[in-house]
Amino acid sequence: MLNMVFLTNSWLSSFDQPSLCIAVAMLLHYFLLAAFTWMCLESVHFYLVLVKVFNVYVPKYILKCCIAGWGTPAIVISIVLIVNKDFYGNGSHSETNPFSNFCWIQENVVFYISVVAYVFLIFLMNAAMFITVLLQINSVKSRTQKRSRIWKR
């Protein structure tokens, strides 16, 4: 959906309908955040599978993942819309290049908080999970090598 909204964004912004542009920008923002949220959930799942191998039972795990994966971006979008729906709109009104129109976030502060900071937090979470998984794999490898040395003796 992110790709579909992105590819049709410029065409839809050419209709010069502010409400359509707000809807398209909102959808683009939502699906972008949802893609990164699901990436974060995959890293959490990776952690659960490789580090917490035993005694990991999360009741209604898929439902909780779906609520987090689709709900967290919806909360961010709702906050932006509640604060001011005009944060979304047509990106440029250039007369020299009529094809440069793009529906997206208009305010730099909103962009940096709701996109850049969000993606950065997910990047930190993924990096933490990755390092934890690498450390776990390394400790398993060292334990296996110790056991094999003991068995050889």
N, C-alpha and C. Protein backbone atom coordinates (compact mmCIF):
# COMPACT_ATOMS: atom_id res chain seq x y z
N MET A 1 0.82 -1.20 0.00
CA MET A 1 0.00 0.00 0.00
C MET A 1 0.86 1.26 0.00
N LEU A 2 2.00 1.19 0.69
CA LEU A 2 2.90 2.34 0.69
C LEU A 2 3.34 2.66 -0.72
N ASN A 3 3.70 1.64 -1.48
CA ASN A 3 4.14 1.87 -2.86
C ASN A 3 3.00 2.40 -3.73
N MET A 4 1.80 1.87 -3.55
CA MET A 4 0.67 2.33 -4.36
C MET A 4 0.35 3.79 -4.08
N VAL A 5 0.32 4.17 -2.81
CA VAL A 5 0.02 5.56 -2.46
C VAL A 5 1.15 6.47 -2.94
N PHE A 6 2.38 6.02 -2.79
CA PHE A 6 3.52 6.82 -3.24
C PHE A 6 3.47 7.05 -4.76
N LEU A 7 3.18 5.99 -5.51
CA LEU A 7 3.18 6.11 -6.96
C LEU A 7 2.02 6.94 -7.50
N THR A 8 0.91 6.94 -6.80
CA THR A 8 -0.25 7.71 -7.27
C THR A 8 -0.31 9.11 -6.66
N ASN A 9 0.59 9.41 -5.74
CA ASN A 9 0.56 10.66 -5.01
C ASN A 9 0.62 11.88 -5.93
N SER A 10 1.58 11.91 -6.80
CA SER A 10 1.76 13.07 -7.68
C SER A 10 0.55 13.26 -8.59
N TRP A 11 0.02 12.17 -9.10
CA TRP A 11 -1.16 12.25 -9.97
C TRP A 11 -2.37 12.77 -9.20
N LEU A 12 -2.58 12.27 -7.98
CA LEU A 12 -3.72 12.71 -7.17
C LEU A 12 -3.56 14.16 -6.72
N SER A 13 -2.33 14.61 -6.52
CA SER A 13 -2.14 16.00 -6.10
C SER A 13 -2.41 16.97 -7.25
N SER A 14 -2.40 16.48 -8.48
CA SER A 14 -2.65 17.35 -9.63
C SER A 14 -4.11 17.79 -9.73
N PHE A 15 -5.01 17.16 -8.98
CA PHE A 15 -6.42 17.53 -9.01
C PHE A 15 -6.72 18.80 -8.22
N ASP A 16 -5.77 19.29 -7.46
CA ASP A 16 -5.91 20.51 -6.66
C ASP A 16 -7.12 20.47 -5.72
N GLN A 17 -7.32 19.35 -5.09
CA GLN A 17 -8.36 19.17 -4.08
C GLN A 17 -7.67 19.05 -2.72
N PRO A 18 -7.80 20.07 -1.88
CA PRO A 18 -7.09 20.02 -0.58
C PRO A 18 -7.46 18.81 0.27
N SER A 19 -8.72 18.43 0.30
CA SER A 19 -9.11 17.28 1.13
C SER A 19 -8.54 15.97 0.58
N LEU A 20 -8.48 15.85 -0.74
CA LEU A 20 -7.88 14.66 -1.35
C LEU A 20 -6.39 14.61 -1.04
N CYS A 21 -5.75 15.75 -1.11
CA CYS A 21 -4.31 15.81 -0.83
C CYS A 21 -4.02 15.49 0.63
N ILE A 22 -4.86 15.96 1.54
CA ILE A 22 -4.69 15.64 2.96
C ILE A 22 -4.86 14.14 3.17
N ALA A 23 -5.85 13.55 2.53
CA ALA A 23 -6.08 12.11 2.68
C ALA A 23 -4.92 11.30 2.13
N VAL A 24 -4.40 11.70 0.97
CA VAL A 24 -3.29 10.98 0.36
C VAL A 24 -2.03 11.12 1.23
N ALA A 25 -1.75 12.33 1.71
CA ALA A 25 -0.58 12.55 2.56
C ALA A 25 -0.71 11.76 3.86
N MET A 26 -1.92 11.72 4.40
CA MET A 26 -2.15 10.97 5.62
C MET A 26 -1.93 9.48 5.38
N LEU A 27 -2.44 8.95 4.29
CA LEU A 27 -2.24 7.54 3.96
C LEU A 27 -0.78 7.21 3.73
N LEU A 28 -0.08 8.09 3.03
CA LEU A 28 1.34 7.87 2.79
C LEU A 28 2.11 7.85 4.11
N HIS A 29 1.80 8.79 4.98
CA HIS A 29 2.44 8.86 6.29
C HIS A 29 2.11 7.60 7.10
N TYR A 30 0.86 7.20 7.10
CA TYR A 30 0.43 6.02 7.86
C TYR A 30 1.15 4.76 7.38
N PHE A 31 1.15 4.51 6.08
CA PHE A 31 1.75 3.28 5.57
C PHE A 31 3.28 3.28 5.73
N LEU A 32 3.89 4.46 5.68
CA LEU A 32 5.33 4.54 5.93
C LEU A 32 5.64 4.15 7.37
N LEU A 33 4.89 4.72 8.31
CA LEU A 33 5.09 4.38 9.72
C LEU A 33 4.74 2.92 10.00
N ALA A 34 3.71 2.41 9.34
CA ALA A 34 3.33 1.00 9.54
C ALA A 34 4.43 0.06 9.05
N ALA A 35 5.05 0.39 7.94
CA ALA A 35 6.14 -0.45 7.42
C ALA A 35 7.29 -0.51 8.42
N PHE A 36 7.65 0.62 8.99
CA PHE A 36 8.73 0.63 9.96
C PHE A 36 8.32 -0.03 11.27
N THR A 37 7.06 0.11 11.66
CA THR A 37 6.59 -0.54 12.88
C THR A 37 6.64 -2.05 12.74
N TRP A 38 6.22 -2.56 11.58
CA TRP A 38 6.29 -4.00 11.36
C TRP A 38 7.73 -4.49 11.31
N MET A 39 8.63 -3.67 10.81
CA MET A 39 10.05 -4.04 10.84
C MET A 39 10.53 -4.17 12.28
N CYS A 40 10.09 -3.28 13.14
CA CYS A 40 10.44 -3.35 14.56
C CYS A 40 9.86 -4.60 15.20
N LEU A 41 8.63 -4.92 14.87
CA LEU A 41 8.00 -6.12 15.41
C LEU A 41 8.72 -7.39 14.94
N GLU A 42 9.24 -7.37 13.72
CA GLU A 42 10.03 -8.50 13.25
C GLU A 42 11.30 -8.68 14.07
N SER A 43 11.93 -7.57 14.46
CA SER A 43 13.14 -7.69 15.28
C SER A 43 12.79 -8.22 16.67
N VAL A 44 11.65 -7.81 17.21
CA VAL A 44 11.22 -8.35 18.51
C VAL A 44 10.95 -9.84 18.38
N HIS A 45 10.32 -10.25 17.31
CA HIS A 45 10.07 -11.67 17.08
C HIS A 45 11.39 -12.43 16.93
N PHE A 46 12.32 -11.86 16.21
CA PHE A 46 13.65 -12.45 16.05
C PHE A 46 14.31 -12.65 17.41
N TYR A 47 14.19 -11.66 18.28
CA TYR A 47 14.72 -11.75 19.64
C TYR A 47 14.05 -12.89 20.41
N LEU A 48 12.73 -12.96 20.34
CA LEU A 48 12.01 -14.01 21.07
C LEU A 48 12.38 -15.40 20.58
N VAL A 49 12.59 -15.54 19.30
CA VAL A 49 12.89 -16.86 18.74
C VAL A 49 14.32 -17.29 19.05
N LEU A 50 15.27 -16.38 18.97
CA LEU A 50 16.67 -16.77 19.14
C LEU A 50 17.23 -16.58 20.54
N VAL A 51 16.68 -15.69 21.33
CA VAL A 51 17.23 -15.46 22.67
C VAL A 51 16.35 -16.10 23.73
N LYS A 52 15.07 -15.85 23.68
CA LYS A 52 14.14 -16.41 24.66
C LYS A 52 13.49 -17.66 24.07
N VAL A 53 14.30 -18.66 23.79
CA VAL A 53 13.82 -19.83 23.06
C VAL A 53 12.81 -20.63 23.86
N PHE A 54 13.09 -20.85 25.12
CA PHE A 54 12.22 -21.68 25.94
C PHE A 54 11.30 -20.82 26.81
N ASN A 55 10.17 -21.39 27.14
CA ASN A 55 9.19 -20.75 28.03
C ASN A 55 8.72 -19.40 27.51
N VAL A 56 8.54 -19.29 26.21
CA VAL A 56 8.02 -18.06 25.65
C VAL A 56 6.64 -18.37 25.07
N TYR A 57 5.65 -18.01 25.83
CA TYR A 57 4.29 -18.13 25.34
C TYR A 57 3.62 -16.79 25.58
N VAL A 58 3.23 -16.17 24.52
CA VAL A 58 2.51 -14.90 24.61
C VAL A 58 1.09 -15.17 24.14
N PRO A 59 0.12 -15.06 25.04
CA PRO A 59 -1.26 -15.30 24.62
C PRO A 59 -1.69 -14.28 23.57
N LYS A 60 -2.35 -14.79 22.54
CA LYS A 60 -2.85 -13.95 21.44
C LYS A 60 -1.73 -13.09 20.84
N TYR A 61 -0.62 -13.73 20.55
CA TYR A 61 0.58 -13.06 20.07
C TYR A 61 0.33 -12.32 18.74
N ILE A 62 -0.30 -12.98 17.79
CA ILE A 62 -0.55 -12.37 16.49
C ILE A 62 -1.49 -11.17 16.62
N LEU A 63 -2.50 -11.30 17.44
CA LEU A 63 -3.42 -10.18 17.67
C LEU A 63 -2.69 -8.98 18.27
N LYS A 64 -1.82 -9.23 19.23
CA LYS A 64 -1.06 -8.15 19.84
C LYS A 64 -0.10 -7.52 18.84
N CYS A 65 0.51 -8.34 17.99
CA CYS A 65 1.39 -7.79 16.95
C CYS A 65 0.59 -6.93 15.97
N CYS A 66 -0.58 -7.39 15.58
CA CYS A 66 -1.41 -6.62 14.65
C CYS A 66 -1.86 -5.29 15.27
N ILE A 67 -2.23 -5.33 16.53
CA ILE A 67 -2.64 -4.09 17.20
C ILE A 67 -1.48 -3.11 17.26
N ALA A 68 -0.29 -3.63 17.60
CA ALA A 68 0.89 -2.75 17.65
C ALA A 68 1.30 -2.28 16.26
N GLY A 69 1.28 -3.21 15.30
CA GLY A 69 1.75 -2.88 13.95
C GLY A 69 0.86 -1.91 13.20
N TRP A 70 -0.43 -2.03 13.39
CA TRP A 70 -1.35 -1.13 12.70
C TRP A 70 -1.85 0.00 13.59
N GLY A 71 -1.83 -0.21 14.91
CA GLY A 71 -2.37 0.78 15.83
C GLY A 71 -1.42 1.91 16.17
N THR A 72 -0.15 1.60 16.35
CA THR A 72 0.82 2.63 16.71
C THR A 72 0.91 3.74 15.65
N PRO A 73 1.03 3.38 14.36
CA PRO A 73 1.02 4.45 13.35
C PRO A 73 -0.30 5.23 13.33
N ALA A 74 -1.40 4.54 13.60
CA ALA A 74 -2.70 5.23 13.62
C ALA A 74 -2.76 6.26 14.75
N ILE A 75 -2.14 5.94 15.87
CA ILE A 75 -2.10 6.89 16.98
C ILE A 75 -1.30 8.13 16.60
N VAL A 76 -0.16 7.91 15.95
CA VAL A 76 0.68 9.05 15.53
C VAL A 76 -0.08 9.92 14.53
N ILE A 77 -0.71 9.29 13.55
CA ILE A 77 -1.47 10.04 12.54
C ILE A 77 -2.63 10.79 13.20
N SER A 78 -3.31 10.15 14.14
CA SER A 78 -4.42 10.80 14.83
C SER A 78 -3.96 12.02 15.60
N ILE A 79 -2.81 11.92 16.26
CA ILE A 79 -2.29 13.07 16.99
C ILE A 79 -1.99 14.22 16.05
N VAL A 80 -1.36 13.92 14.91
CA VAL A 80 -1.06 14.97 13.93
C VAL A 80 -2.35 15.61 13.42
N LEU A 81 -3.36 14.79 13.13
CA LEU A 81 -4.64 15.32 12.63
C LEU A 81 -5.37 16.13 13.70
N ILE A 82 -5.29 15.70 14.95
CA ILE A 82 -5.96 16.43 16.02
C ILE A 82 -5.30 17.79 16.24
N VAL A 83 -3.98 17.81 16.19
CA VAL A 83 -3.28 19.08 16.39
C VAL A 83 -3.62 20.06 15.29
N ASN A 84 -3.48 19.62 14.03
CA ASN A 84 -3.83 20.49 12.91
C ASN A 84 -3.84 19.67 11.64
N LYS A 85 -5.00 19.53 11.02
CA LYS A 85 -5.08 18.73 9.80
C LYS A 85 -4.36 19.39 8.63
N ASP A 86 -4.08 20.68 8.75
CA ASP A 86 -3.38 21.38 7.68
C ASP A 86 -1.87 21.13 7.68
N PHE A 87 -1.39 20.29 8.60
CA PHE A 87 0.00 19.88 8.51
C PHE A 87 0.23 19.04 7.26
N TYR A 88 -0.83 18.40 6.79
CA TYR A 88 -0.76 17.65 5.55
C TYR A 88 -1.21 18.55 4.41
N GLY A 89 -0.62 18.37 3.25
CA GLY A 89 -1.05 19.16 2.10
C GLY A 89 -0.12 18.99 0.93
N ASN A 90 -0.28 19.89 -0.04
CA ASN A 90 0.51 19.83 -1.25
C ASN A 90 1.89 20.40 -0.99
N GLY A 91 2.91 19.62 -1.34
CA GLY A 91 4.29 19.97 -1.00
C GLY A 91 4.86 21.16 -1.71
N SER A 92 4.53 21.36 -2.96
CA SER A 92 5.08 22.51 -3.67
C SER A 92 4.10 22.99 -4.71
N HIS A 93 4.07 24.27 -4.90
CA HIS A 93 3.19 24.88 -5.89
C HIS A 93 4.05 25.63 -6.90
N SER A 94 5.00 24.93 -7.49
CA SER A 94 5.94 25.55 -8.41
C SER A 94 5.29 25.74 -9.78
N GLU A 95 5.39 26.93 -10.32
CA GLU A 95 4.83 27.21 -11.65
C GLU A 95 5.75 26.68 -12.75
N THR A 96 7.06 26.64 -12.48
CA THR A 96 8.01 26.21 -13.50
C THR A 96 7.96 24.70 -13.73
N ASN A 97 7.61 23.95 -12.71
CA ASN A 97 7.54 22.50 -12.83
C ASN A 97 6.19 22.03 -12.30
N PRO A 98 5.20 21.87 -13.17
CA PRO A 98 3.86 21.49 -12.69
C PRO A 98 3.80 20.06 -12.16
N PHE A 99 4.80 19.24 -12.43
CA PHE A 99 4.78 17.86 -11.98
C PHE A 99 5.51 17.68 -10.64
N SER A 100 5.86 18.78 -10.01
CA SER A 100 6.59 18.69 -8.74
C SER A 100 5.65 18.63 -7.54
N ASN A 101 4.36 18.64 -7.75
CA ASN A 101 3.40 18.59 -6.65
C ASN A 101 3.44 17.23 -5.99
N PHE A 102 3.37 17.25 -4.67
CA PHE A 102 3.42 16.00 -3.91
C PHE A 102 2.72 16.24 -2.59
N CYS A 103 1.77 15.41 -2.25
CA CYS A 103 1.04 15.55 -0.99
C CYS A 103 1.85 14.90 0.12
N TRP A 104 2.19 15.71 1.12
CA TRP A 104 3.02 15.21 2.21
C TRP A 104 2.90 16.16 3.39
N ILE A 105 3.72 16.00 4.40
CA ILE A 105 3.70 16.83 5.59
C ILE A 105 4.31 18.19 5.24
N GLN A 106 3.62 19.26 5.63
CA GLN A 106 4.06 20.61 5.28
C GLN A 106 5.03 21.22 6.27
N GLU A 107 4.90 20.90 7.53
CA GLU A 107 5.71 21.50 8.59
C GLU A 107 6.94 20.65 8.87
N ASN A 108 8.10 21.29 8.88
CA ASN A 108 9.35 20.56 9.13
C ASN A 108 9.38 19.95 10.53
N VAL A 109 8.89 20.68 11.53
CA VAL A 109 8.91 20.17 12.91
C VAL A 109 8.06 18.90 13.01
N VAL A 110 6.90 18.92 12.41
CA VAL A 110 6.02 17.74 12.43
C VAL A 110 6.69 16.58 11.70
N PHE A 111 7.33 16.86 10.59
CA PHE A 111 8.04 15.82 9.84
C PHE A 111 9.15 15.20 10.69
N TYR A 112 9.95 16.05 11.34
CA TYR A 112 11.06 15.53 12.13
C TYR A 112 10.59 14.75 13.35
N ILE A 113 9.48 15.16 13.94
CA ILE A 113 8.99 14.44 15.12
C ILE A 113 8.25 13.16 14.73
N SER A 114 7.35 13.27 13.75
CA SER A 114 6.47 12.12 13.45
C SER A 114 7.06 11.13 12.45
N VAL A 115 8.12 11.50 11.77
CA VAL A 115 8.74 10.55 10.83
C VAL A 115 10.18 10.25 11.25
N VAL A 116 11.01 11.27 11.29
CA VAL A 116 12.43 11.04 11.54
C VAL A 116 12.66 10.48 12.94
N ALA A 117 12.06 11.07 13.95
CA ALA A 117 12.24 10.58 15.32
C ALA A 117 11.65 9.17 15.47
N TYR A 118 10.51 8.93 14.86
CA TYR A 118 9.87 7.61 14.91
C TYR A 118 10.78 6.55 14.29
N VAL A 119 11.30 6.84 13.10
CA VAL A 119 12.18 5.89 12.41
C VAL A 119 13.49 5.72 13.20
N PHE A 120 13.99 6.80 13.79
CA PHE A 120 15.21 6.70 14.58
C PHE A 120 15.00 5.81 15.80
N LEU A 121 13.87 5.93 16.48
CA LEU A 121 13.58 5.07 17.63
C LEU A 121 13.48 3.60 17.22
N ILE A 122 12.88 3.36 16.08
CA ILE A 122 12.79 1.99 15.58
C ILE A 122 14.18 1.47 15.21
N PHE A 123 15.00 2.35 14.62
CA PHE A 123 16.37 1.95 14.30
C PHE A 123 17.14 1.58 15.58
N LEU A 124 16.99 2.37 16.63
CA LEU A 124 17.66 2.05 17.90
C LEU A 124 17.16 0.73 18.47
N MET A 125 15.85 0.51 18.40
CA MET A 125 15.28 -0.74 18.89
C MET A 125 15.82 -1.93 18.09
N ASN A 126 15.85 -1.80 16.78
CA ASN A 126 16.36 -2.88 15.93
C ASN A 126 17.84 -3.12 16.20
N ALA A 127 18.61 -2.06 16.37
CA ALA A 127 20.04 -2.23 16.66
C ALA A 127 20.24 -2.93 18.00
N ALA A 128 19.45 -2.57 19.00
CA ALA A 128 19.55 -3.23 20.31
C ALA A 128 19.20 -4.71 20.20
N MET A 129 18.15 -5.03 19.48
CA MET A 129 17.76 -6.42 19.30
C MET A 129 18.84 -7.19 18.53
N PHE A 130 19.40 -6.56 17.52
CA PHE A 130 20.44 -7.21 16.71
C PHE A 130 21.67 -7.51 17.55
N ILE A 131 22.10 -6.54 18.36
CA ILE A 131 23.27 -6.75 19.21
C ILE A 131 22.99 -7.84 20.24
N THR A 132 21.80 -7.83 20.80
CA THR A 132 21.43 -8.86 21.78
C THR A 132 21.45 -10.24 21.15
N VAL A 133 20.90 -10.37 19.95
CA VAL A 133 20.89 -11.65 19.26
C VAL A 133 22.31 -12.09 18.91
N LEU A 134 23.15 -11.16 18.45
CA LEU A 134 24.54 -11.51 18.15
C LEU A 134 25.28 -11.99 19.39
N LEU A 135 25.08 -11.31 20.51
CA LEU A 135 25.72 -11.74 21.75
C LEU A 135 25.24 -13.12 22.17
N GLN A 136 23.96 -13.38 22.00
CA GLN A 136 23.41 -14.70 22.35
C GLN A 136 24.00 -15.78 21.46
N ILE A 137 24.08 -15.51 20.17
CA ILE A 137 24.66 -16.49 19.24
C ILE A 137 26.13 -16.73 19.58
N ASN A 138 26.84 -15.67 19.91
CA ASN A 138 28.25 -15.80 20.26
C ASN A 138 28.43 -16.62 21.54
N SER A 139 27.56 -16.41 22.53
CA SER A 139 27.68 -17.18 23.78
C SER A 139 27.34 -18.65 23.55
N VAL A 140 26.36 -18.92 22.70
CA VAL A 140 26.03 -20.31 22.39
C VAL A 140 27.20 -20.97 21.67
N LYS A 141 27.81 -20.24 20.77
CA LYS A 141 28.96 -20.77 20.02
C LYS A 141 30.12 -21.08 20.96
N SER A 142 30.41 -20.18 21.88
CA SER A 142 31.53 -20.41 22.81
C SER A 142 31.23 -21.58 23.75
N ARG A 143 29.97 -21.71 24.20
CA ARG A 143 29.60 -22.85 25.05
C ARG A 143 29.74 -24.16 24.28
N THR A 144 29.36 -24.16 23.03
CA THR A 144 29.46 -25.37 22.21
C THR A 144 30.91 -25.75 22.01
N GLN A 145 31.77 -24.76 21.77
CA GLN A 145 33.19 -25.05 21.60
C GLN A 145 33.81 -25.58 22.88
N LYS A 146 33.40 -25.06 24.04
CA LYS A 146 33.90 -25.57 25.32
C LYS A 146 33.50 -27.02 25.51
N ARG A 147 32.24 -27.32 25.22
CA ARG A 147 31.75 -28.70 25.38
C ARG A 147 32.49 -29.64 24.45
N SER A 148 32.75 -29.21 23.23
CA SER A 148 33.44 -30.10 22.30
C SER A 148 34.88 -30.35 22.74
N ARG A 149 35.54 -29.34 23.33
CA ARG A 149 36.89 -29.53 23.86
C ARG A 149 36.88 -30.52 25.03
N ILE A 150 35.86 -30.40 25.90
CA ILE A 150 35.75 -31.31 27.04
C ILE A 150 35.53 -32.73 26.55
N TRP A 151 34.67 -32.93 25.56
CA TRP A 151 34.39 -34.26 25.05
C TRP A 151 35.61 -34.86 24.35
N LYS A 152 36.40 -34.00 23.71
CA LYS A 152 37.61 -34.51 23.05
C LYS A 152 38.63 -35.00 24.07
N ARG A 153 38.71 -34.34 25.21
CA ARG A 153 39.64 -34.77 26.25
C ARG A 153 39.19 -36.09 26.81
